[in-house]
Amino acid sequence: HGQLMFTFYKGSNLVQQEAVVRTEDPDVAYYYDAW
């Protein structure tokens, strides 16, 4: 759980999208897809 973040850069056509999240579960292995 956390936040969804978008970063815009002056002079660039690209937008950076990030999911900044945390978990309280210990010893987690993870893999993810985004689209």
Full PDB file with SEQRES, HELIX, SHEET, SSBOND, CRYST1, ORIGX, SCALE, CONECT and MASTER records, all heavy atoms in Angstrom:
SEQRES   1 A   35  HIS GLY GLN LEU MET PHE THR PHE TYR LYS GLY SER ASN          
SEQRES   2 A   35  LEU VAL GLN GLN GLU ALA VAL VAL ARG THR GLU ASP PRO          
SEQRES   3 A   35  ASP VAL ALA TYR TYR TYR ASP ALA TRP                          
SHEET    1 AA1 2 GLY A   2  PHE A   8  0                                        
SHEET    2 AA1 2 VAL A  15  VAL A  21 -1                                        
CRYST1    1.000    1.000    1.000  90.00  90.00  90.00 P 1           1          
ORIGX1      1.000000  0.000000  0.000000        0.00000                         
ORIGX2      0.000000  1.000000  0.000000        0.00000                         
ORIGX3      0.000000  0.000000  1.000000        0.00000                         
SCALE1      1.000000  0.000000  0.000000        0.00000                         
SCALE2      0.000000  1.000000  0.000000        0.00000                         
SCALE3      0.000000  0.000000  1.000000        0.00000                         
ATOM      1  N   HIS A   1       0.847  -1.196   0.000  1.00  0.00           N  
ATOM      2  CA  HIS A   1       0.000   0.000   0.000  1.00  0.00           C  
ATOM      3  C   HIS A   1       0.882   1.245   0.000  1.00  0.00           C  
ATOM      4  O   HIS A   1       2.004   1.242   0.527  1.00  0.00           O  
ATOM      5  CB  HIS A   1      -0.918   0.007   1.229  1.00  0.00           C  
ATOM      6  CG  HIS A   1      -0.191  -0.126   2.534  1.00  0.00           C  
ATOM      7  ND1 HIS A   1       0.280   0.953   3.243  1.00  0.00           N  
ATOM      8  CD2 HIS A   1       0.181  -1.226   3.248  1.00  0.00           C  
ATOM      9  CE1 HIS A   1       0.882   0.536   4.341  1.00  0.00           C  
ATOM     10  NE2 HIS A   1       0.847  -0.788   4.371  1.00  0.00           N  
ATOM     11  N   GLY A   2       0.366   2.311  -0.617  1.00  0.00           N  
ATOM     12  CA  GLY A   2       1.160   3.534  -0.690  1.00  0.00           C  
ATOM     13  C   GLY A   2       0.552   4.560  -1.618  1.00  0.00           C  
ATOM     14  O   GLY A   2      -0.625   4.877  -1.526  1.00  0.00           O  
ATOM     15  N   GLN A   3       1.376   5.048  -2.569  1.00  0.00           N  
ATOM     16  CA  GLN A   3       0.991   6.164  -3.417  1.00  0.00           C  
ATOM     17  C   GLN A   3       1.309   5.884  -4.879  1.00  0.00           C  
ATOM     18  O   GLN A   3       2.199   5.093  -5.193  1.00  0.00           O  
ATOM     19  CB  GLN A   3       1.746   7.431  -2.990  1.00  0.00           C  
ATOM     20  CG  GLN A   3       1.524   7.845  -1.553  1.00  0.00           C  
ATOM     21  CD  GLN A   3       2.480   8.942  -1.123  1.00  0.00           C  
ATOM     22  OE1 GLN A   3       3.648   8.961  -1.518  1.00  0.00           O  
ATOM     23  NE2 GLN A   3       1.983   9.876  -0.333  1.00  0.00           N  
ATOM     24  N   LEU A   4       0.568   6.561  -5.741  1.00  0.00           N  
ATOM     25  CA  LEU A   4       0.848   6.553  -7.172  1.00  0.00           C  
ATOM     26  C   LEU A   4       1.413   7.928  -7.522  1.00  0.00           C  
ATOM     27  O   LEU A   4       0.809   8.952  -7.195  1.00  0.00           O  
ATOM     28  CB  LEU A   4      -0.428   6.271  -7.956  1.00  0.00           C  
ATOM     29  CG  LEU A   4      -0.290   5.851  -9.421  1.00  0.00           C  
ATOM     30  CD1 LEU A   4       0.547   4.579  -9.548  1.00  0.00           C  
ATOM     31  CD2 LEU A   4      -1.663   5.637 -10.032  1.00  0.00           C  
ATOM     32  N   MET A   5       2.571   7.948  -8.175  1.00  0.00           N  
ATOM     33  CA  MET A   5       3.284   9.207  -8.401  1.00  0.00           C  
ATOM     34  C   MET A   5       3.632   9.372  -9.879  1.00  0.00           C  
ATOM     35  O   MET A   5       4.057   8.429 -10.541  1.00  0.00           O  
ATOM     36  CB  MET A   5       4.569   9.238  -7.573  1.00  0.00           C  
ATOM     37  CG  MET A   5       5.393  10.506  -7.723  1.00  0.00           C  
ATOM     38  SD  MET A   5       6.972  10.400  -6.809  1.00  0.00           S  
ATOM     39  CE  MET A   5       6.360  10.229  -5.128  1.00  0.00           C  
ATOM     40  N   PHE A   6       3.422  10.595 -10.383  1.00  0.00           N  
ATOM     41  CA  PHE A   6       3.775  10.953 -11.753  1.00  0.00           C  
ATOM     42  C   PHE A   6       4.742  12.133 -11.709  1.00  0.00           C  
ATOM     43  O   PHE A   6       4.500  13.115 -11.012  1.00  0.00           O  
ATOM     44  CB  PHE A   6       2.531  11.338 -12.560  1.00  0.00           C  
ATOM     45  CG  PHE A   6       1.494  10.263 -12.634  1.00  0.00           C  
ATOM     46  CD1 PHE A   6       0.548  10.123 -11.626  1.00  0.00           C  
ATOM     47  CD2 PHE A   6       1.462   9.378 -13.707  1.00  0.00           C  
ATOM     48  CE1 PHE A   6      -0.409   9.130 -11.680  1.00  0.00           C  
ATOM     49  CE2 PHE A   6       0.504   8.382 -13.770  1.00  0.00           C  
ATOM     50  CZ  PHE A   6      -0.438   8.250 -12.756  1.00  0.00           C  
ATOM     51  N   THR A   7       5.831  12.040 -12.480  1.00  0.00           N  
ATOM     52  CA  THR A   7       6.820  13.110 -12.519  1.00  0.00           C  
ATOM     53  C   THR A   7       6.939  13.644 -13.934  1.00  0.00           C  
ATOM     54  O   THR A   7       7.103  12.880 -14.890  1.00  0.00           O  
ATOM     55  CB  THR A   7       8.196  12.619 -12.037  1.00  0.00           C  
ATOM     56  OG1 THR A   7       8.062  12.050 -10.727  1.00  0.00           O  
ATOM     57  CG2 THR A   7       9.181  13.764 -11.965  1.00  0.00           C  
ATOM     58  N   PHE A   8       6.850  14.986 -14.055  1.00  0.00           N  
ATOM     59  CA  PHE A   8       6.956  15.683 -15.328  1.00  0.00           C  
ATOM     60  C   PHE A   8       8.246  16.502 -15.329  1.00  0.00           C  
ATOM     61  O   PHE A   8       8.540  17.199 -14.354  1.00  0.00           O  
ATOM     62  CB  PHE A   8       5.750  16.610 -15.527  1.00  0.00           C  
ATOM     63  CG  PHE A   8       4.434  15.904 -15.486  1.00  0.00           C  
ATOM     64  CD1 PHE A   8       3.803  15.658 -14.268  1.00  0.00           C  
ATOM     65  CD2 PHE A   8       3.811  15.478 -16.652  1.00  0.00           C  
ATOM     66  CE1 PHE A   8       2.579  15.004 -14.215  1.00  0.00           C  
ATOM     67  CE2 PHE A   8       2.596  14.826 -16.607  1.00  0.00           C  
ATOM     68  CZ  PHE A   8       1.976  14.577 -15.386  1.00  0.00           C  
ATOM     69  N   TYR A   9       8.990  16.426 -16.435  1.00  0.00           N  
ATOM     70  CA  TYR A   9      10.279  17.107 -16.533  1.00  0.00           C  
ATOM     71  C   TYR A   9      10.224  18.152 -17.640  1.00  0.00           C  
ATOM     72  O   TYR A   9       9.842  17.834 -18.780  1.00  0.00           O  
ATOM     73  CB  TYR A   9      11.392  16.101 -16.833  1.00  0.00           C  
ATOM     74  CG  TYR A   9      11.559  15.040 -15.789  1.00  0.00           C  
ATOM     75  CD1 TYR A   9      10.887  13.826 -15.889  1.00  0.00           C  
ATOM     76  CD2 TYR A   9      12.395  15.230 -14.684  1.00  0.00           C  
ATOM     77  CE1 TYR A   9      11.038  12.836 -14.927  1.00  0.00           C  
ATOM     78  CE2 TYR A   9      12.565  14.246 -13.724  1.00  0.00           C  
ATOM     79  CZ  TYR A   9      11.862  13.056 -13.855  1.00  0.00           C  
ATOM     80  OH  TYR A   9      12.009  12.081 -12.897  1.00  0.00           O  
ATOM     81  N   LYS A  10      10.611  19.373 -17.301  1.00  0.00           N  
ATOM     82  CA  LYS A  10      10.667  20.439 -18.300  1.00  0.00           C  
ATOM     83  C   LYS A  10      11.688  20.076 -19.367  1.00  0.00           C  
ATOM     84  O   LYS A  10      12.819  19.696 -19.067  1.00  0.00           O  
ATOM     85  CB  LYS A  10      11.055  21.758 -17.632  1.00  0.00           C  
ATOM     86  CG  LYS A  10      11.073  22.941 -18.575  1.00  0.00           C  
ATOM     87  CD  LYS A  10      11.427  24.223 -17.836  1.00  0.00           C  
ATOM     88  CE  LYS A  10      11.479  25.415 -18.777  1.00  0.00           C  
ATOM     89  NZ  LYS A  10      11.838  26.668 -18.062  1.00  0.00           N  
ATOM     90  N   GLY A  11      11.272  20.143 -20.640  1.00  0.00           N  
ATOM     91  CA  GLY A  11      12.163  19.826 -21.744  1.00  0.00           C  
ATOM     92  C   GLY A  11      12.139  18.382 -22.185  1.00  0.00           C  
ATOM     93  O   GLY A  11      12.869  17.999 -23.098  1.00  0.00           O  
ATOM     94  N   SER A  12      11.287  17.558 -21.569  1.00  0.00           N  
ATOM     95  CA  SER A  12      11.194  16.132 -21.935  1.00  0.00           C  
ATOM     96  C   SER A  12       9.752  15.772 -22.277  1.00  0.00           C  
ATOM     97  O   SER A  12       8.817  16.246 -21.634  1.00  0.00           O  
ATOM     98  CB  SER A  12      11.680  15.249 -20.786  1.00  0.00           C  
ATOM     99  OG  SER A  12      11.484  13.878 -21.088  1.00  0.00           O  
ATOM    100  N   ASN A  13       9.575  14.916 -23.285  1.00  0.00           N  
ATOM    101  CA  ASN A  13       8.244  14.426 -23.653  1.00  0.00           C  
ATOM    102  C   ASN A  13       7.798  13.248 -22.809  1.00  0.00           C  
ATOM    103  O   ASN A  13       6.671  12.784 -22.948  1.00  0.00           O  
ATOM    104  CB  ASN A  13       8.227  13.988 -25.116  1.00  0.00           C  
ATOM    105  CG  ASN A  13       8.258  15.159 -26.074  1.00  0.00           C  
ATOM    106  OD1 ASN A  13       8.596  16.276 -25.681  1.00  0.00           O  
ATOM    107  ND2 ASN A  13       7.909  14.924 -27.324  1.00  0.00           N  
ATOM    108  N   LEU A  14       8.657  12.756 -21.949  1.00  0.00           N  
ATOM    109  CA  LEU A  14       8.375  11.540 -21.209  1.00  0.00           C  
ATOM    110  C   LEU A  14       7.828  11.849 -19.824  1.00  0.00           C  
ATOM    111  O   LEU A  14       8.199  12.843 -19.200  1.00  0.00           O  
ATOM    112  CB  LEU A  14       9.643  10.686 -21.093  1.00  0.00           C  
ATOM    113  CG  LEU A  14      10.309  10.325 -22.426  1.00  0.00           C  
ATOM    114  CD1 LEU A  14      11.552   9.484 -22.177  1.00  0.00           C  
ATOM    115  CD2 LEU A  14       9.337   9.603 -23.334  1.00  0.00           C  
ATOM    116  N   VAL A  15       6.945  10.970 -19.353  1.00  0.00           N  
ATOM    117  CA  VAL A  15       6.374  11.062 -18.013  1.00  0.00           C  
ATOM    118  C   VAL A  15       6.787   9.826 -17.236  1.00  0.00           C  
ATOM    119  O   VAL A  15       6.662   8.704 -17.744  1.00  0.00           O  
ATOM    120  CB  VAL A  15       4.833  11.155 -18.063  1.00  0.00           C  
ATOM    121  CG1 VAL A  15       4.250  11.234 -16.655  1.00  0.00           C  
ATOM    122  CG2 VAL A  15       4.394  12.352 -18.887  1.00  0.00           C  
ATOM    123  N   GLN A  16       7.282  10.020 -16.030  1.00  0.00           N  
ATOM    124  CA  GLN A  16       7.672   8.882 -15.188  1.00  0.00           C  
ATOM    125  C   GLN A  16       6.538   8.557 -14.233  1.00  0.00           C  
ATOM    126  O   GLN A  16       6.058   9.397 -13.494  1.00  0.00           O  
ATOM    127  CB  GLN A  16       8.938   9.208 -14.397  1.00  0.00           C  
ATOM    128  CG  GLN A  16       9.352   8.078 -13.455  1.00  0.00           C  
ATOM    129  CD  GLN A  16      10.680   8.352 -12.789  1.00  0.00           C  
ATOM    130  OE1 GLN A  16      11.669   8.653 -13.453  1.00  0.00           O  
ATOM    131  NE2 GLN A  16      10.720   8.264 -11.484  1.00  0.00           N  
ATOM    132  N   GLN A  17       6.110   7.308 -14.263  1.00  0.00           N  
ATOM    133  CA  GLN A  17       5.061   6.824 -13.364  1.00  0.00           C  
ATOM    134  C   GLN A  17       5.675   5.858 -12.364  1.00  0.00           C  
ATOM    135  O   GLN A  17       6.432   4.962 -12.746  1.00  0.00           O  
ATOM    136  CB  GLN A  17       3.964   6.117 -14.152  1.00  0.00           C  
ATOM    137  CG  GLN A  17       2.896   5.475 -13.284  1.00  0.00           C  
ATOM    138  CD  GLN A  17       1.978   4.602 -14.103  1.00  0.00           C  
ATOM    139  OE1 GLN A  17       1.382   5.059 -15.069  1.00  0.00           O  
ATOM    140  NE2 GLN A  17       1.872   3.338 -13.723  1.00  0.00           N  
ATOM    141  N   GLU A  18       5.353   6.027 -11.085  1.00  0.00           N  
ATOM    142  CA  GLU A  18       5.887   5.151 -10.043  1.00  0.00           C  
ATOM    143  C   GLU A  18       4.786   4.771  -9.061  1.00  0.00           C  
ATOM    144  O   GLU A  18       3.963   5.608  -8.696  1.00  0.00           O  
ATOM    145  CB  GLU A  18       6.992   5.852  -9.261  1.00  0.00           C  
ATOM    146  CG  GLU A  18       8.203   6.250 -10.070  1.00  0.00           C  
ATOM    147  CD  GLU A  18       9.186   7.052  -9.249  1.00  0.00           C  
ATOM    148  OE1 GLU A  18       9.014   8.273  -9.132  1.00  0.00           O  
ATOM    149  OE2 GLU A  18      10.117   6.441  -8.694  1.00  0.00           O  
ATOM    150  N   ALA A  19       4.785   3.520  -8.649  1.00  0.00           N  
ATOM    151  CA  ALA A  19       3.981   3.078  -7.519  1.00  0.00           C  
ATOM    152  C   ALA A  19       4.933   2.942  -6.339  1.00  0.00           C  
ATOM    153  O   ALA A  19       5.799   2.074  -6.325  1.00  0.00           O  
ATOM    154  CB  ALA A  19       3.301   1.742  -7.814  1.00  0.00           C  
ATOM    155  N   VAL A  20       4.797   3.827  -5.373  1.00  0.00           N  
ATOM    156  CA  VAL A  20       5.686   3.837  -4.204  1.00  0.00           C  
ATOM    157  C   VAL A  20       4.919   3.216  -3.045  1.00  0.00           C  
ATOM    158  O   VAL A  20       4.001   3.828  -2.499  1.00  0.00           O  
ATOM    159  CB  VAL A  20       6.133   5.271  -3.859  1.00  0.00           C  
ATOM    160  CG1 VAL A  20       7.121   5.257  -2.696  1.00  0.00           C  
ATOM    161  CG2 VAL A  20       6.760   5.935  -5.080  1.00  0.00           C  
ATOM    162  N   VAL A  21       5.275   1.991  -2.680  1.00  0.00           N  
ATOM    163  CA  VAL A  21       4.471   1.223  -1.734  1.00  0.00           C  
ATOM    164  C   VAL A  21       5.346   0.558  -0.676  1.00  0.00           C  
ATOM    165  O   VAL A  21       6.558   0.461  -0.828  1.00  0.00           O  
ATOM    166  CB  VAL A  21       3.636   0.145  -2.457  1.00  0.00           C  
ATOM    167  CG1 VAL A  21       2.663   0.772  -3.427  1.00  0.00           C  
ATOM    168  CG2 VAL A  21       4.547  -0.842  -3.190  1.00  0.00           C  
ATOM    169  N   ARG A  22       4.687   0.074   0.370  1.00  0.00           N  
ATOM    170  CA  ARG A  22       5.376  -0.674   1.423  1.00  0.00           C  
ATOM    171  C   ARG A  22       4.491  -1.835   1.855  1.00  0.00           C  
ATOM    172  O   ARG A  22       3.302  -1.899   1.532  1.00  0.00           O  
ATOM    173  CB  ARG A  22       5.671   0.223   2.621  1.00  0.00           C  
ATOM    174  CG  ARG A  22       4.436   0.791   3.316  1.00  0.00           C  
ATOM    175  CD  ARG A  22       4.835   1.641   4.509  1.00  0.00           C  
ATOM    176  NE  ARG A  22       5.441   0.821   5.556  1.00  0.00           N  
ATOM    177  CZ  ARG A  22       6.273   1.318   6.469  1.00  0.00           C  
ATOM    178  NH1 ARG A  22       6.607   2.605   6.441  1.00  0.00           N  
ATOM    179  NH2 ARG A  22       6.776   0.536   7.407  1.00  0.00           N  
ATOM    180  N   THR A  23       5.105  -2.774   2.576  1.00  0.00           N  
ATOM    181  CA  THR A  23       4.366  -3.892   3.145  1.00  0.00           C  
ATOM    182  C   THR A  23       4.890  -4.168   4.547  1.00  0.00           C  
ATOM    183  O   THR A  23       6.069  -3.937   4.840  1.00  0.00           O  
ATOM    184  CB  THR A  23       4.499  -5.165   2.281  1.00  0.00           C  
ATOM    185  OG1 THR A  23       3.729  -6.224   2.875  1.00  0.00           O  
ATOM    186  CG2 THR A  23       5.945  -5.616   2.160  1.00  0.00           C  
ATOM    187  N   GLU A  24       4.027  -4.651   5.398  1.00  0.00           N  
ATOM    188  CA  GLU A  24       4.426  -5.036   6.750  1.00  0.00           C  
ATOM    189  C   GLU A  24       4.777  -6.517   6.834  1.00  0.00           C  
ATOM    190  O   GLU A  24       5.266  -6.990   7.860  1.00  0.00           O  
ATOM    191  CB  GLU A  24       3.290  -4.728   7.746  1.00  0.00           C  
ATOM    192  CG  GLU A  24       2.842  -3.271   7.763  1.00  0.00           C  
ATOM    193  CD  GLU A  24       3.966  -2.316   8.117  1.00  0.00           C  
ATOM    194  OE1 GLU A  24       4.869  -2.718   8.886  1.00  0.00           O  
ATOM    195  OE2 GLU A  24       3.963  -1.170   7.620  1.00  0.00           O  
ATOM    196  N   ASP A  25       4.524  -7.258   5.757  1.00  0.00           N  
ATOM    197  CA  ASP A  25       4.843  -8.684   5.753  1.00  0.00           C  
ATOM    198  C   ASP A  25       6.355  -8.895   5.657  1.00  0.00           C  
ATOM    199  O   ASP A  25       7.016  -8.246   4.828  1.00  0.00           O  
ATOM    200  CB  ASP A  25       4.153  -9.384   4.586  1.00  0.00           C  
ATOM    201  CG  ASP A  25       2.652  -9.480   4.772  1.00  0.00           C  
ATOM    202  OD1 ASP A  25       2.122  -8.783   5.657  1.00  0.00           O  
ATOM    203  OD2 ASP A  25       2.008 -10.238   4.023  1.00  0.00           O  
ATOM    204  N   PRO A  26       6.923  -9.796   6.438  1.00  0.00           N  
ATOM    205  CA  PRO A  26       8.364 -10.049   6.379  1.00  0.00           C  
ATOM    206  C   PRO A  26       8.740 -11.011   5.256  1.00  0.00           C  
ATOM    207  O   PRO A  26       7.921 -11.809   4.797  1.00  0.00           O  
ATOM    208  CB  PRO A  26       8.665 -10.667   7.751  1.00  0.00           C  
ATOM    209  CG  PRO A  26       7.394 -11.388   8.099  1.00  0.00           C  
ATOM    210  CD  PRO A  26       6.272 -10.546   7.537  1.00  0.00           C  
ATOM    211  N   ASP A  27       9.987 -10.918   4.803  1.00  0.00           N  
ATOM    212  CA  ASP A  27      10.587 -11.906   3.889  1.00  0.00           C  
ATOM    213  C   ASP A  27       9.759 -12.115   2.624  1.00  0.00           C  
ATOM    214  O   ASP A  27       9.504 -13.251   2.213  1.00  0.00           O  
ATOM    215  CB  ASP A  27      10.767 -13.246   4.615  1.00  0.00           C  
ATOM    216  CG  ASP A  27      11.606 -13.100   5.868  1.00  0.00           C  
ATOM    217  OD1 ASP A  27      12.548 -12.292   5.856  1.00  0.00           O  
ATOM    218  OD2 ASP A  27      11.315 -13.788   6.864  1.00  0.00           O  
ATOM    219  N   VAL A  28       9.357 -11.023   2.006  1.00  0.00           N  
ATOM    220  CA  VAL A  28       8.510 -11.119   0.812  1.00  0.00           C  
ATOM    221  C   VAL A  28       9.358 -11.159  -0.451  1.00  0.00           C  
ATOM    222  O   VAL A  28      10.254 -10.328  -0.644  1.00  0.00           O  
ATOM    223  CB  VAL A  28       7.539  -9.928   0.734  1.00  0.00           C  
ATOM    224  CG1 VAL A  28       6.722  -9.994  -0.558  1.00  0.00           C  
ATOM    225  CG2 VAL A  28       6.604  -9.924   1.939  1.00  0.00           C  
ATOM    226  N   ALA A  29       9.087 -12.133  -1.309  1.00  0.00           N  
ATOM    227  CA  ALA A  29       9.619 -12.137  -2.671  1.00  0.00           C  
ATOM    228  C   ALA A  29       8.488 -11.663  -3.573  1.00  0.00           C  
ATOM    229  O   ALA A  29       7.338 -12.050  -3.385  1.00  0.00           O  
ATOM    230  CB  ALA A  29      10.063 -13.540  -3.063  1.00  0.00           C  
ATOM    231  N   TYR A  30       8.807 -10.823  -4.543  1.00  0.00           N  
ATOM    232  CA  TYR A  30       7.725 -10.293  -5.368  1.00  0.00           C  
ATOM    233  C   TYR A  30       8.169 -10.067  -6.808  1.00  0.00           C  
ATOM    234  O   TYR A  30       9.348  -9.907  -7.105  1.00  0.00           O  
ATOM    235  CB  TYR A  30       7.185  -8.991  -4.787  1.00  0.00           C  
ATOM    236  CG  TYR A  30       8.139  -7.820  -4.869  1.00  0.00           C  
ATOM    237  CD1 TYR A  30       8.098  -6.942  -5.952  1.00  0.00           C  
ATOM    238  CD2 TYR A  30       9.079  -7.593  -3.872  1.00  0.00           C  
ATOM    239  CE1 TYR A  30       8.964  -5.863  -6.041  1.00  0.00           C  
ATOM    240  CE2 TYR A  30       9.957  -6.524  -3.949  1.00  0.00           C  
ATOM    241  CZ  TYR A  30       9.894  -5.659  -5.036  1.00  0.00           C  
ATOM    242  OH  TYR A  30      10.771  -4.608  -5.114  1.00  0.00           O  
ATOM    243  N   TYR A  31       7.174 -10.052  -7.672  1.00  0.00           N  
ATOM    244  CA  TYR A  31       7.331  -9.729  -9.088  1.00  0.00           C  
ATOM    245  C   TYR A  31       6.108  -8.931  -9.467  1.00  0.00           C  
ATOM    246  O   TYR A  31       5.027  -9.150  -8.914  1.00  0.00           O  
ATOM    247  CB  TYR A  31       7.432 -11.014  -9.920  1.00  0.00           C  
ATOM    248  CG  TYR A  31       7.258 -10.817 -11.401  1.00  0.00           C  
ATOM    249  CD1 TYR A  31       8.284 -10.290 -12.183  1.00  0.00           C  
ATOM    250  CD2 TYR A  31       6.062 -11.159 -12.033  1.00  0.00           C  
ATOM    251  CE1 TYR A  31       8.122 -10.100 -13.545  1.00  0.00           C  
ATOM    252  CE2 TYR A  31       5.891 -10.975 -13.396  1.00  0.00           C  
ATOM    253  CZ  TYR A  31       6.923 -10.441 -14.148  1.00  0.00           C  
ATOM    254  OH  TYR A  31       6.752 -10.249 -15.488  1.00  0.00           O  
ATOM    255  N   TYR A  32       6.237  -7.979 -10.387  1.00  0.00           N  
ATOM    256  CA  TYR A  32       5.053  -7.201 -10.757  1.00  0.00           C  
ATOM    257  C   TYR A  32       5.080  -6.808 -12.226  1.00  0.00           C  
ATOM    258  O   TYR A  32       6.127  -6.721 -12.851  1.00  0.00           O  
ATOM    259  CB  TYR A  32       4.928  -5.953  -9.882  1.00  0.00           C  
ATOM    260  CG  TYR A  32       5.970  -4.891 -10.151  1.00  0.00           C  
ATOM    261  CD1 TYR A  32       5.711  -3.838 -11.022  1.00  0.00           C  
ATOM    262  CD2 TYR A  32       7.215  -4.953  -9.536  1.00  0.00           C  
ATOM    263  CE1 TYR A  32       6.662  -2.869 -11.268  1.00  0.00           C  
ATOM    264  CE2 TYR A  32       8.175  -3.973  -9.770  1.00  0.00           C  
ATOM    265  CZ  TYR A  32       7.893  -2.940 -10.648  1.00  0.00           C  
ATOM    266  OH  TYR A  32       8.839  -1.985 -10.895  1.00  0.00           O  
ATOM    267  N   ASP A  33       3.884  -6.564 -12.761  1.00  0.00           N  
ATOM    268  CA  ASP A  33       3.688  -6.020 -14.100  1.00  0.00           C  
ATOM    269  C   ASP A  33       2.969  -4.685 -13.969  1.00  0.00           C  
ATOM    270  O   ASP A  33       2.213  -4.470 -13.017  1.00  0.00           O  
ATOM    271  CB  ASP A  33       2.832  -6.953 -14.962  1.00  0.00           C  
ATOM    272  CG  ASP A  33       3.589  -8.194 -15.405  1.00  0.00           C  
ATOM    273  OD1 ASP A  33       4.797  -8.067 -15.690  1.00  0.00           O  
ATOM    274  OD2 ASP A  33       2.987  -9.271 -15.468  1.00  0.00           O  
ATOM    275  N   ALA A  34       3.158  -3.797 -14.935  1.00  0.00           N  
ATOM    276  CA  ALA A  34       2.471  -2.505 -14.945  1.00  0.00           C  
ATOM    277  C   ALA A  34       2.125  -2.135 -16.380  1.00  0.00           C  
ATOM    278  O   ALA A  34       2.888  -2.428 -17.307  1.00  0.00           O  
ATOM    279  CB  ALA A  34       3.350  -1.423 -14.325  1.00  0.00           C  
ATOM    280  N   TRP A  35       0.973  -1.507 -16.554  1.00  0.00           N  
ATOM    281  CA  TRP A  35       0.537  -1.102 -17.888  1.00  0.00           C  
ATOM    282  C   TRP A  35      -0.529  -0.016 -17.758  1.00  0.00           C  
ATOM    283  O   TRP A  35      -0.940   0.340 -16.665  1.00  0.00           O  
ATOM    284  CB  TRP A  35      -0.005  -2.304 -18.665  1.00  0.00           C  
ATOM    285  CG  TRP A  35      -1.242  -2.931 -18.092  1.00  0.00           C  
ATOM    286  CD1 TRP A  35      -2.542  -2.669 -18.428  1.00  0.00           C  
ATOM    287  CD2 TRP A  35      -1.301  -3.958 -17.084  1.00  0.00           C  
ATOM    288  NE1 TRP A  35      -3.397  -3.450 -17.691  1.00  0.00           N  
ATOM    289  CE2 TRP A  35      -2.662  -4.255 -16.863  1.00  0.00           C  
ATOM    290  CE3 TRP A  35      -0.330  -4.651 -16.355  1.00  0.00           C  
ATOM    291  CZ2 TRP A  35      -3.076  -5.211 -15.939  1.00  0.00           C  
ATOM    292  CZ3 TRP A  35      -0.754  -5.600 -15.433  1.00  0.00           C  
ATOM    293  CH2 TRP A  35      -2.100  -5.876 -15.237  1.00  0.00           C  
TER     294      TRP A  35                                                      
MASTER        0    0    0    0    2    0    0    6  293    1    0    3          
END                                                                             
